[in-house]
Structures are given as C-alpha cells and as structure tokens.
mmCIF file of all heavy atoms, coordinates in Angstrom:
data_MODEL
# 
_entry.id   MODEL 
# 
loop_
_atom_site.group_PDB 
_atom_site.id 
_atom_site.type_symbol 
_atom_site.label_atom_id 
_atom_site.label_alt_id 
_atom_site.label_comp_id 
_atom_site.label_asym_id 
_atom_site.label_entity_id 
_atom_site.label_seq_id 
_atom_site.pdbx_PDB_ins_code 
_atom_site.Cartn_x 
_atom_site.Cartn_y 
_atom_site.Cartn_z 
_atom_site.occupancy 
_atom_site.B_iso_or_equiv 
_atom_site.pdbx_formal_charge 
_atom_site.auth_seq_id 
_atom_site.auth_comp_id 
_atom_site.auth_asym_id 
_atom_site.auth_atom_id 
_atom_site.pdbx_PDB_model_num 
ATOM 1   N N   . ASN A 1 1  ? 0.814  -1.216 0.000  1.00 0.00 ? 1  ASN A N   1 
ATOM 2   C CA  . ASN A 1 1  ? 0.000  0.000  0.000  1.00 0.00 ? 1  ASN A CA  1 
ATOM 3   C C   . ASN A 1 1  ? 0.852  1.273  0.000  1.00 0.00 ? 1  ASN A C   1 
ATOM 4   O O   . ASN A 1 1  ? 0.335  2.365  0.143  1.00 0.00 ? 1  ASN A O   1 
ATOM 5   C CB  . ASN A 1 1  ? -0.929 0.023  1.221  1.00 0.00 ? 1  ASN A CB  1 
ATOM 6   C CG  . ASN A 1 1  ? -1.895 -1.126 1.199  1.00 0.00 ? 1  ASN A CG  1 
ATOM 7   O OD1 . ASN A 1 1  ? -1.551 -2.231 1.613  1.00 0.00 ? 1  ASN A OD1 1 
ATOM 8   N ND2 . ASN A 1 1  ? -3.093 -0.897 0.723  1.00 0.00 ? 1  ASN A ND2 1 
ATOM 9   N N   . ILE A 1 2  ? 2.148  1.115  -0.160 1.00 0.00 ? 2  ILE A N   1 
ATOM 10  C CA  . ILE A 1 2  ? 3.067  2.255  -0.190 1.00 0.00 ? 2  ILE A CA  1 
ATOM 11  C C   . ILE A 1 2  ? 3.504  2.480  -1.633 1.00 0.00 ? 2  ILE A C   1 
ATOM 12  O O   . ILE A 1 2  ? 3.907  1.548  -2.314 1.00 0.00 ? 2  ILE A O   1 
ATOM 13  C CB  . ILE A 1 2  ? 4.292  2.000  0.710  1.00 0.00 ? 2  ILE A CB  1 
ATOM 14  C CG1 . ILE A 1 2  ? 3.857  1.750  2.157  1.00 0.00 ? 2  ILE A CG1 1 
ATOM 15  C CG2 . ILE A 1 2  ? 5.276  3.164  0.618  1.00 0.00 ? 2  ILE A CG2 1 
ATOM 16  C CD1 . ILE A 1 2  ? 4.984  1.286  3.063  1.00 0.00 ? 2  ILE A CD1 1 
ATOM 17  N N   . LYS A 1 3  ? 3.434  3.733  -2.090 1.00 0.00 ? 3  LYS A N   1 
ATOM 18  C CA  . LYS A 1 3  ? 3.837  4.050  -3.462 1.00 0.00 ? 3  LYS A CA  1 
ATOM 19  C C   . LYS A 1 3  ? 5.336  4.316  -3.579 1.00 0.00 ? 3  LYS A C   1 
ATOM 20  O O   . LYS A 1 3  ? 5.966  3.901  -4.543 1.00 0.00 ? 3  LYS A O   1 
ATOM 21  C CB  . LYS A 1 3  ? 3.063  5.255  -3.974 1.00 0.00 ? 3  LYS A CB  1 
ATOM 22  C CG  . LYS A 1 3  ? 1.586  4.993  -4.144 1.00 0.00 ? 3  LYS A CG  1 
ATOM 23  C CD  . LYS A 1 3  ? 0.877  6.240  -4.618 1.00 0.00 ? 3  LYS A CD  1 
ATOM 24  C CE  . LYS A 1 3  ? -0.626 6.006  -4.654 1.00 0.00 ? 3  LYS A CE  1 
ATOM 25  N NZ  . LYS A 1 3  ? -1.347 7.243  -4.961 1.00 0.00 ? 3  LYS A NZ  1 
ATOM 26  N N   . CYS A 1 4  ? 5.909  5.054  -2.620 1.00 0.00 ? 4  CYS A N   1 
ATOM 27  C CA  . CYS A 1 4  ? 7.320  5.436  -2.683 1.00 0.00 ? 4  CYS A CA  1 
ATOM 28  C C   . CYS A 1 4  ? 7.967  5.277  -1.311 1.00 0.00 ? 4  CYS A C   1 
ATOM 29  O O   . CYS A 1 4  ? 7.347  5.571  -0.291 1.00 0.00 ? 4  CYS A O   1 
ATOM 30  C CB  . CYS A 1 4  ? 7.465  6.893  -3.108 1.00 0.00 ? 4  CYS A CB  1 
ATOM 31  S SG  . CYS A 1 4  ? 6.732  7.286  -4.696 1.00 0.00 ? 4  CYS A SG  1 
ATOM 32  N N   . ILE A 1 5  ? 9.218  4.828  -1.328 1.00 0.00 ? 5  ILE A N   1 
ATOM 33  C CA  . ILE A 1 5  ? 9.983  4.669  -0.091 1.00 0.00 ? 5  ILE A CA  1 
ATOM 34  C C   . ILE A 1 5  ? 11.318 5.387  -0.241 1.00 0.00 ? 5  ILE A C   1 
ATOM 35  O O   . ILE A 1 5  ? 12.056 5.155  -1.195 1.00 0.00 ? 5  ILE A O   1 
ATOM 36  C CB  . ILE A 1 5  ? 10.240 3.176  0.220  1.00 0.00 ? 5  ILE A CB  1 
ATOM 37  C CG1 . ILE A 1 5  ? 8.923  2.453  0.487  1.00 0.00 ? 5  ILE A CG1 1 
ATOM 38  C CG2 . ILE A 1 5  ? 11.214 3.029  1.385  1.00 0.00 ? 5  ILE A CG2 1 
ATOM 39  C CD1 . ILE A 1 5  ? 9.074  0.946  0.652  1.00 0.00 ? 5  ILE A CD1 1 
ATOM 40  N N   . PHE A 1 6  ? 11.597 6.256  0.721  1.00 0.00 ? 6  PHE A N   1 
ATOM 41  C CA  . PHE A 1 6  ? 12.901 6.909  0.828  1.00 0.00 ? 6  PHE A CA  1 
ATOM 42  C C   . PHE A 1 6  ? 13.493 6.386  2.125  1.00 0.00 ? 6  PHE A C   1 
ATOM 43  O O   . PHE A 1 6  ? 12.880 6.528  3.188  1.00 0.00 ? 6  PHE A O   1 
ATOM 44  C CB  . PHE A 1 6  ? 12.726 8.433  0.877  1.00 0.00 ? 6  PHE A CB  1 
ATOM 45  C CG  . PHE A 1 6  ? 14.026 9.182  0.821  1.00 0.00 ? 6  PHE A CG  1 
ATOM 46  C CD1 . PHE A 1 6  ? 14.590 9.509  -0.405 1.00 0.00 ? 6  PHE A CD1 1 
ATOM 47  C CD2 . PHE A 1 6  ? 14.683 9.560  1.972  1.00 0.00 ? 6  PHE A CD2 1 
ATOM 48  C CE1 . PHE A 1 6  ? 15.783 10.212 -0.467 1.00 0.00 ? 6  PHE A CE1 1 
ATOM 49  C CE2 . PHE A 1 6  ? 15.879 10.256 1.921  1.00 0.00 ? 6  PHE A CE2 1 
ATOM 50  C CZ  . PHE A 1 6  ? 16.432 10.588 0.694  1.00 0.00 ? 6  PHE A CZ  1 
ATOM 51  N N   . THR A 1 7  ? 14.653 5.760  2.059  1.00 0.00 ? 7  THR A N   1 
ATOM 52  C CA  . THR A 1 7  ? 15.190 5.113  3.253  1.00 0.00 ? 7  THR A CA  1 
ATOM 53  C C   . THR A 1 7  ? 16.707 5.213  3.331  1.00 0.00 ? 7  THR A C   1 
ATOM 54  O O   . THR A 1 7  ? 17.391 5.260  2.302  1.00 0.00 ? 7  THR A O   1 
ATOM 55  C CB  . THR A 1 7  ? 14.753 3.633  3.312  1.00 0.00 ? 7  THR A CB  1 
ATOM 56  O OG1 . THR A 1 7  ? 15.138 3.069  4.563  1.00 0.00 ? 7  THR A OG1 1 
ATOM 57  C CG2 . THR A 1 7  ? 15.333 2.814  2.184  1.00 0.00 ? 7  THR A CG2 1 
ATOM 58  N N   . GLU A 1 8  ? 17.196 5.233  4.544  1.00 0.00 ? 8  GLU A N   1 
ATOM 59  C CA  . GLU A 1 8  ? 18.636 5.169  4.764  1.00 0.00 ? 8  GLU A CA  1 
ATOM 60  C C   . GLU A 1 8  ? 19.100 3.747  4.445  1.00 0.00 ? 8  GLU A C   1 
ATOM 61  O O   . GLU A 1 8  ? 18.401 2.782  4.747  1.00 0.00 ? 8  GLU A O   1 
ATOM 62  C CB  . GLU A 1 8  ? 18.960 5.509  6.221  1.00 0.00 ? 8  GLU A CB  1 
ATOM 63  C CG  . GLU A 1 8  ? 20.444 5.535  6.498  1.00 0.00 ? 8  GLU A CG  1 
ATOM 64  C CD  . GLU A 1 8  ? 20.757 5.887  7.934  1.00 0.00 ? 8  GLU A CD  1 
ATOM 65  O OE1 . GLU A 1 8  ? 20.152 5.287  8.852  1.00 0.00 ? 8  GLU A OE1 1 
ATOM 66  O OE2 . GLU A 1 8  ? 21.611 6.760  8.132  1.00 0.00 ? 8  GLU A OE2 1 
ATOM 67  N N   . VAL A 1 9  ? 20.272 3.642  3.837  1.00 0.00 ? 9  VAL A N   1 
ATOM 68  C CA  . VAL A 1 9  ? 20.848 2.334  3.506  1.00 0.00 ? 9  VAL A CA  1 
ATOM 69  C C   . VAL A 1 9  ? 22.337 2.357  3.836  1.00 0.00 ? 9  VAL A C   1 
ATOM 70  O O   . VAL A 1 9  ? 22.949 3.420  3.936  1.00 0.00 ? 9  VAL A O   1 
ATOM 71  C CB  . VAL A 1 9  ? 20.639 1.974  2.014  1.00 0.00 ? 9  VAL A CB  1 
ATOM 72  C CG1 . VAL A 1 9  ? 19.175 1.748  1.717  1.00 0.00 ? 9  VAL A CG1 1 
ATOM 73  C CG2 . VAL A 1 9  ? 21.211 3.037  1.096  1.00 0.00 ? 9  VAL A CG2 1 
ATOM 74  N N   . SER A 1 10 ? 22.895 1.165  3.989  1.00 0.00 ? 10 SER A N   1 
ATOM 75  C CA  . SER A 1 10 ? 24.295 1.067  4.353  1.00 0.00 ? 10 SER A CA  1 
ATOM 76  C C   . SER A 1 10 ? 24.943 -0.133 3.669  1.00 0.00 ? 10 SER A C   1 
ATOM 77  O O   . SER A 1 10 ? 24.342 -1.195 3.568  1.00 0.00 ? 10 SER A O   1 
ATOM 78  C CB  . SER A 1 10 ? 24.407 0.916  5.872  1.00 0.00 ? 10 SER A CB  1 
ATOM 79  O OG  . SER A 1 10 ? 25.739 0.732  6.240  1.00 0.00 ? 10 SER A OG  1 
ATOM 80  N N   . LEU A 1 11 ? 26.150 0.063  3.213  1.00 0.00 ? 11 LEU A N   1 
ATOM 81  C CA  . LEU A 1 11 ? 26.908 -1.027 2.602  1.00 0.00 ? 11 LEU A CA  1 
ATOM 82  C C   . LEU A 1 11 ? 27.695 -1.830 3.630  1.00 0.00 ? 11 LEU A C   1 
ATOM 83  O O   . LEU A 1 11 ? 28.276 -2.851 3.306  1.00 0.00 ? 11 LEU A O   1 
ATOM 84  C CB  . LEU A 1 11 ? 27.869 -0.462 1.544  1.00 0.00 ? 11 LEU A CB  1 
ATOM 85  C CG  . LEU A 1 11 ? 27.208 0.240  0.355  1.00 0.00 ? 11 LEU A CG  1 
ATOM 86  C CD1 . LEU A 1 11 ? 28.270 0.839  -0.559 1.00 0.00 ? 11 LEU A CD1 1 
ATOM 87  C CD2 . LEU A 1 11 ? 26.314 -0.723 -0.416 1.00 0.00 ? 11 LEU A CD2 1 
ATOM 88  N N   . LYS A 1 12 ? 27.715 -1.356 4.859  1.00 0.00 ? 12 LYS A N   1 
ATOM 89  C CA  . LYS A 1 12 ? 28.459 -2.027 5.927  1.00 0.00 ? 12 LYS A CA  1 
ATOM 90  C C   . LYS A 1 12 ? 27.629 -1.958 7.205  1.00 0.00 ? 12 LYS A C   1 
ATOM 91  O O   . LYS A 1 12 ? 26.790 -1.082 7.363  1.00 0.00 ? 12 LYS A O   1 
ATOM 92  C CB  . LYS A 1 12 ? 29.824 -1.353 6.058  1.00 0.00 ? 12 LYS A CB  1 
ATOM 93  C CG  . LYS A 1 12 ? 30.304 -1.031 7.382  1.00 0.00 ? 12 LYS A CG  1 
ATOM 94  C CD  . LYS A 1 12 ? 31.656 -0.354 7.391  1.00 0.00 ? 12 LYS A CD  1 
ATOM 95  C CE  . LYS A 1 12 ? 32.083 -0.228 8.827  1.00 0.00 ? 12 LYS A CE  1 
ATOM 96  N NZ  . LYS A 1 12 ? 33.369 0.275  9.058  1.00 0.00 ? 12 LYS A NZ  1 
ATOM 97  N N   . GLU A 1 13 ? 27.865 -2.891 8.103  1.00 0.00 ? 13 GLU A N   1 
ATOM 98  C CA  . GLU A 1 13 ? 27.108 -2.928 9.363  1.00 0.00 ? 13 GLU A CA  1 
ATOM 99  C C   . GLU A 1 13 ? 27.684 -1.899 10.340 1.00 0.00 ? 13 GLU A C   1 
ATOM 100 O O   . GLU A 1 13 ? 28.678 -2.134 11.004 1.00 0.00 ? 13 GLU A O   1 
ATOM 101 C CB  . GLU A 1 13 ? 27.156 -4.328 9.978  1.00 0.00 ? 13 GLU A CB  1 
ATOM 102 C CG  . GLU A 1 13 ? 26.297 -4.446 11.211 1.00 0.00 ? 13 GLU A CG  1 
ATOM 103 C CD  . GLU A 1 13 ? 26.305 -5.847 11.817 1.00 0.00 ? 13 GLU A CD  1 
ATOM 104 O OE1 . GLU A 1 13 ? 26.879 -6.777 11.228 1.00 0.00 ? 13 GLU A OE1 1 
ATOM 105 O OE2 . GLU A 1 13 ? 25.733 -5.990 12.900 1.00 0.00 ? 13 GLU A OE2 1 
ATOM 106 N N   . PHE A 1 14 ? 27.016 -0.744 10.398 1.00 0.00 ? 14 PHE A N   1 
ATOM 107 C CA  . PHE A 1 14 ? 27.412 0.291  11.345 1.00 0.00 ? 14 PHE A CA  1 
ATOM 108 C C   . PHE A 1 14 ? 26.756 0.061  12.703 1.00 0.00 ? 14 PHE A C   1 
ATOM 109 O O   . PHE A 1 14 ? 27.263 0.491  13.726 1.00 0.00 ? 14 PHE A O   1 
ATOM 110 C CB  . PHE A 1 14 ? 27.017 1.683  10.837 1.00 0.00 ? 14 PHE A CB  1 
ATOM 111 C CG  . PHE A 1 14 ? 27.903 2.180  9.736  1.00 0.00 ? 14 PHE A CG  1 
ATOM 112 C CD1 . PHE A 1 14 ? 27.508 2.080  8.414  1.00 0.00 ? 14 PHE A CD1 1 
ATOM 113 C CD2 . PHE A 1 14 ? 29.136 2.749  10.021 1.00 0.00 ? 14 PHE A CD2 1 
ATOM 114 C CE1 . PHE A 1 14 ? 28.326 2.540  7.391  1.00 0.00 ? 14 PHE A CE1 1 
ATOM 115 C CE2 . PHE A 1 14 ? 29.955 3.215  9.008  1.00 0.00 ? 14 PHE A CE2 1 
ATOM 116 C CZ  . PHE A 1 14 ? 29.553 3.105  7.678  1.00 0.00 ? 14 PHE A CZ  1 
ATOM 117 N N   . TYR A 1 15 ? 25.597 -0.581 12.697 1.00 0.00 ? 15 TYR A N   1 
ATOM 118 C CA  . TYR A 1 15 ? 24.836 -0.830 13.917 1.00 0.00 ? 15 TYR A CA  1 
ATOM 119 C C   . TYR A 1 15 ? 24.611 -2.331 14.042 1.00 0.00 ? 15 TYR A C   1 
ATOM 120 O O   . TYR A 1 15 ? 24.289 -3.001 13.061 1.00 0.00 ? 15 TYR A O   1 
ATOM 121 C CB  . TYR A 1 15 ? 23.479 -0.112 13.869 1.00 0.00 ? 15 TYR A CB  1 
ATOM 122 C CG  . TYR A 1 15 ? 23.609 1.351  13.551 1.00 0.00 ? 15 TYR A CG  1 
ATOM 123 C CD1 . TYR A 1 15 ? 23.341 1.828  12.274 1.00 0.00 ? 15 TYR A CD1 1 
ATOM 124 C CD2 . TYR A 1 15 ? 24.014 2.260  14.530 1.00 0.00 ? 15 TYR A CD2 1 
ATOM 125 C CE1 . TYR A 1 15 ? 23.463 3.181  11.988 1.00 0.00 ? 15 TYR A CE1 1 
ATOM 126 C CE2 . TYR A 1 15 ? 24.142 3.606  14.245 1.00 0.00 ? 15 TYR A CE2 1 
ATOM 127 C CZ  . TYR A 1 15 ? 23.863 4.060  12.966 1.00 0.00 ? 15 TYR A CZ  1 
ATOM 128 O OH  . TYR A 1 15 ? 23.987 5.392  12.680 1.00 0.00 ? 15 TYR A OH  1 
ATOM 129 N N   . GLU A 1 16 ? 24.765 -2.856 15.248 1.00 0.00 ? 16 GLU A N   1 
ATOM 130 C CA  . GLU A 1 16 ? 24.588 -4.286 15.487 1.00 0.00 ? 16 GLU A CA  1 
ATOM 131 C C   . GLU A 1 16 ? 23.194 -4.725 15.041 1.00 0.00 ? 16 GLU A C   1 
ATOM 132 O O   . GLU A 1 16 ? 22.188 -4.119 15.405 1.00 0.00 ? 16 GLU A O   1 
ATOM 133 C CB  . GLU A 1 16 ? 24.768 -4.593 16.965 1.00 0.00 ? 16 GLU A CB  1 
ATOM 134 C CG  . GLU A 1 16 ? 24.732 -6.065 17.278 1.00 0.00 ? 16 GLU A CG  1 
ATOM 135 C CD  . GLU A 1 16 ? 24.979 -6.353 18.744 1.00 0.00 ? 16 GLU A CD  1 
ATOM 136 O OE1 . GLU A 1 16 ? 25.675 -5.558 19.404 1.00 0.00 ? 16 GLU A OE1 1 
ATOM 137 O OE2 . GLU A 1 16 ? 24.468 -7.377 19.212 1.00 0.00 ? 16 GLU A OE2 1 
ATOM 138 N N   . GLY A 1 17 ? 23.160 -5.770 14.222 1.00 0.00 ? 17 GLY A N   1 
ATOM 139 C CA  . GLY A 1 17 ? 21.892 -6.315 13.756 1.00 0.00 ? 17 GLY A CA  1 
ATOM 140 C C   . GLY A 1 17 ? 21.281 -5.590 12.583 1.00 0.00 ? 17 GLY A C   1 
ATOM 141 O O   . GLY A 1 17 ? 20.167 -5.909 12.156 1.00 0.00 ? 17 GLY A O   1 
ATOM 142 N N   . SER A 1 18 ? 21.987 -4.611 12.035 1.00 0.00 ? 18 SER A N   1 
ATOM 143 C CA  . SER A 1 18 ? 21.437 -3.868 10.904 1.00 0.00 ? 18 SER A CA  1 
ATOM 144 C C   . SER A 1 18 ? 21.491 -4.695 9.627  1.00 0.00 ? 18 SER A C   1 
ATOM 145 O O   . SER A 1 18 ? 22.237 -5.658 9.517  1.00 0.00 ? 18 SER A O   1 
ATOM 146 C CB  . SER A 1 18 ? 22.198 -2.553 10.715 1.00 0.00 ? 18 SER A CB  1 
ATOM 147 O OG  . SER A 1 18 ? 23.548 -2.791 10.379 1.00 0.00 ? 18 SER A OG  1 
ATOM 148 N N   . SER A 1 19 ? 20.661 -4.306 8.674  1.00 0.00 ? 19 SER A N   1 
ATOM 149 C CA  . SER A 1 19 ? 20.589 -5.002 7.387  1.00 0.00 ? 19 SER A CA  1 
ATOM 150 C C   . SER A 1 19 ? 21.403 -4.250 6.342  1.00 0.00 ? 19 SER A C   1 
ATOM 151 O O   . SER A 1 19 ? 21.505 -3.026 6.389  1.00 0.00 ? 19 SER A O   1 
ATOM 152 C CB  . SER A 1 19 ? 19.135 -5.090 6.924  1.00 0.00 ? 19 SER A CB  1 
ATOM 153 O OG  . SER A 1 19 ? 18.371 -5.794 7.866  1.00 0.00 ? 19 SER A OG  1 
ATOM 154 N N   . SER A 1 20 ? 21.933 -4.994 5.394  1.00 0.00 ? 20 SER A N   1 
ATOM 155 C CA  . SER A 1 20 ? 22.722 -4.379 4.329  1.00 0.00 ? 20 SER A CA  1 
ATOM 156 C C   . SER A 1 20 ? 21.809 -3.783 3.252  1.00 0.00 ? 20 SER A C   1 
ATOM 157 O O   . SER A 1 20 ? 20.630 -4.142 3.139  1.00 0.00 ? 20 SER A O   1 
ATOM 158 C CB  . SER A 1 20 ? 23.642 -5.418 3.681  1.00 0.00 ? 20 SER A CB  1 
ATOM 159 O OG  . SER A 1 20 ? 22.883 -6.326 2.900  1.00 0.00 ? 20 SER A OG  1 
ATOM 160 N N   . TYR A 1 21 ? 22.380 -2.914 2.473  1.00 0.00 ? 21 TYR A N   1 
ATOM 161 C CA  . TYR A 1 21 ? 21.668 -2.312 1.343  1.00 0.00 ? 21 TYR A CA  1 
ATOM 162 C C   . TYR A 1 21 ? 21.142 -3.397 0.413  1.00 0.00 ? 21 TYR A C   1 
ATOM 163 O O   . TYR A 1 21 ? 19.998 -3.340 -0.039 1.00 0.00 ? 21 TYR A O   1 
ATOM 164 C CB  . TYR A 1 21 ? 22.606 -1.350 0.625  1.00 0.00 ? 21 TYR A CB  1 
ATOM 165 C CG  . TYR A 1 21 ? 22.018 -0.552 -0.506 1.00 0.00 ? 21 TYR A CG  1 
ATOM 166 C CD1 . TYR A 1 21 ? 20.651 -0.336 -0.631 1.00 0.00 ? 21 TYR A CD1 1 
ATOM 167 C CD2 . TYR A 1 21 ? 22.846 0.024  -1.451 1.00 0.00 ? 21 TYR A CD2 1 
ATOM 168 C CE1 . TYR A 1 21 ? 20.133 0.427  -1.665 1.00 0.00 ? 21 TYR A CE1 1 
ATOM 169 C CE2 . TYR A 1 21 ? 22.345 0.786  -2.487 1.00 0.00 ? 21 TYR A CE2 1 
ATOM 170 C CZ  . TYR A 1 21 ? 20.990 0.985  -2.594 1.00 0.00 ? 21 TYR A CZ  1 
ATOM 171 O OH  . TYR A 1 21 ? 20.486 1.740  -3.627 1.00 0.00 ? 21 TYR A OH  1 
ATOM 172 N N   . ASP A 1 22 ? 21.969 -4.397 0.136  1.00 0.00 ? 22 ASP A N   1 
ATOM 173 C CA  . ASP A 1 22 ? 21.541 -5.487 -0.747 1.00 0.00 ? 22 ASP A CA  1 
ATOM 174 C C   . ASP A 1 22 ? 20.321 -6.224 -0.194 1.00 0.00 ? 22 ASP A C   1 
ATOM 175 O O   . ASP A 1 22 ? 19.416 -6.590 -0.944 1.00 0.00 ? 22 ASP A O   1 
ATOM 176 C CB  . ASP A 1 22 ? 22.680 -6.474 -1.001 1.00 0.00 ? 22 ASP A CB  1 
ATOM 177 C CG  . ASP A 1 22 ? 23.728 -5.930 -1.949 1.00 0.00 ? 22 ASP A CG  1 
ATOM 178 O OD1 . ASP A 1 22 ? 23.401 -5.028 -2.760 1.00 0.00 ? 22 ASP A OD1 1 
ATOM 179 O OD2 . ASP A 1 22 ? 24.875 -6.398 -1.897 1.00 0.00 ? 22 ASP A OD2 1 
ATOM 180 N N   . GLU A 1 23 ? 20.284 -6.442 1.119  1.00 0.00 ? 23 GLU A N   1 
ATOM 181 C CA  . GLU A 1 23 ? 19.131 -7.109 1.736  1.00 0.00 ? 23 GLU A CA  1 
ATOM 182 C C   . GLU A 1 23 ? 17.869 -6.261 1.596  1.00 0.00 ? 23 GLU A C   1 
ATOM 183 O O   . GLU A 1 23 ? 16.790 -6.780 1.292  1.00 0.00 ? 23 GLU A O   1 
ATOM 184 C CB  . GLU A 1 23 ? 19.398 -7.392 3.215  1.00 0.00 ? 23 GLU A CB  1 
ATOM 185 C CG  . GLU A 1 23 ? 20.446 -8.454 3.454  1.00 0.00 ? 23 GLU A CG  1 
ATOM 186 C CD  . GLU A 1 23 ? 20.821 -8.563 4.917  1.00 0.00 ? 23 GLU A CD  1 
ATOM 187 O OE1 . GLU A 1 23 ? 21.197 -7.534 5.524  1.00 0.00 ? 23 GLU A OE1 1 
ATOM 188 O OE2 . GLU A 1 23 ? 20.740 -9.696 5.443  1.00 0.00 ? 23 GLU A OE2 1 
ATOM 189 N N   . VAL A 1 24 ? 18.011 -4.959 1.794  1.00 0.00 ? 24 VAL A N   1 
ATOM 190 C CA  . VAL A 1 24 ? 16.868 -4.047 1.654  1.00 0.00 ? 24 VAL A CA  1 
ATOM 191 C C   . VAL A 1 24 ? 16.370 -4.053 0.208  1.00 0.00 ? 24 VAL A C   1 
ATOM 192 O O   . VAL A 1 24 ? 15.174 -4.183 -0.043 1.00 0.00 ? 24 VAL A O   1 
ATOM 193 C CB  . VAL A 1 24 ? 17.233 -2.617 2.108  1.00 0.00 ? 24 VAL A CB  1 
ATOM 194 C CG1 . VAL A 1 24 ? 16.133 -1.629 1.762  1.00 0.00 ? 24 VAL A CG1 1 
ATOM 195 C CG2 . VAL A 1 24 ? 17.537 -2.592 3.600  1.00 0.00 ? 24 VAL A CG2 1 
ATOM 196 N N   . LYS A 1 25 ? 17.303 -3.928 -0.746 1.00 0.00 ? 25 LYS A N   1 
ATOM 197 C CA  . LYS A 1 25 ? 16.919 -3.928 -2.169 1.00 0.00 ? 25 LYS A CA  1 
ATOM 198 C C   . LYS A 1 25 ? 16.202 -5.217 -2.548 1.00 0.00 ? 25 LYS A C   1 
ATOM 199 O O   . LYS A 1 25 ? 15.173 -5.186 -3.224 1.00 0.00 ? 25 LYS A O   1 
ATOM 200 C CB  . LYS A 1 25 ? 18.156 -3.761 -3.065 1.00 0.00 ? 25 LYS A CB  1 
ATOM 201 C CG  . LYS A 1 25 ? 18.645 -2.352 -3.168 1.00 0.00 ? 25 LYS A CG  1 
ATOM 202 C CD  . LYS A 1 25 ? 19.666 -2.175 -4.282 1.00 0.00 ? 25 LYS A CD  1 
ATOM 203 C CE  . LYS A 1 25 ? 20.983 -2.810 -3.931 1.00 0.00 ? 25 LYS A CE  1 
ATOM 204 N NZ  . LYS A 1 25 ? 22.067 -2.472 -4.860 1.00 0.00 ? 25 LYS A NZ  1 
# 
C-alpha cells in the first residue's frame, strides 16, 4: 500500500543487527 519509499541504507554494518543495502533492495 506504499507508493514510494525513501530510506537510509548502508553497505556495511554500522549498527549491530542492521541489514545491508543489498538485503533491503
């Protein structure tokens, strides 16, 4: 139900348990 998403992404784990850009994509 969402048309557009603007989100922070990261190529490296800066925060414990964070997801990578590739995982988000």
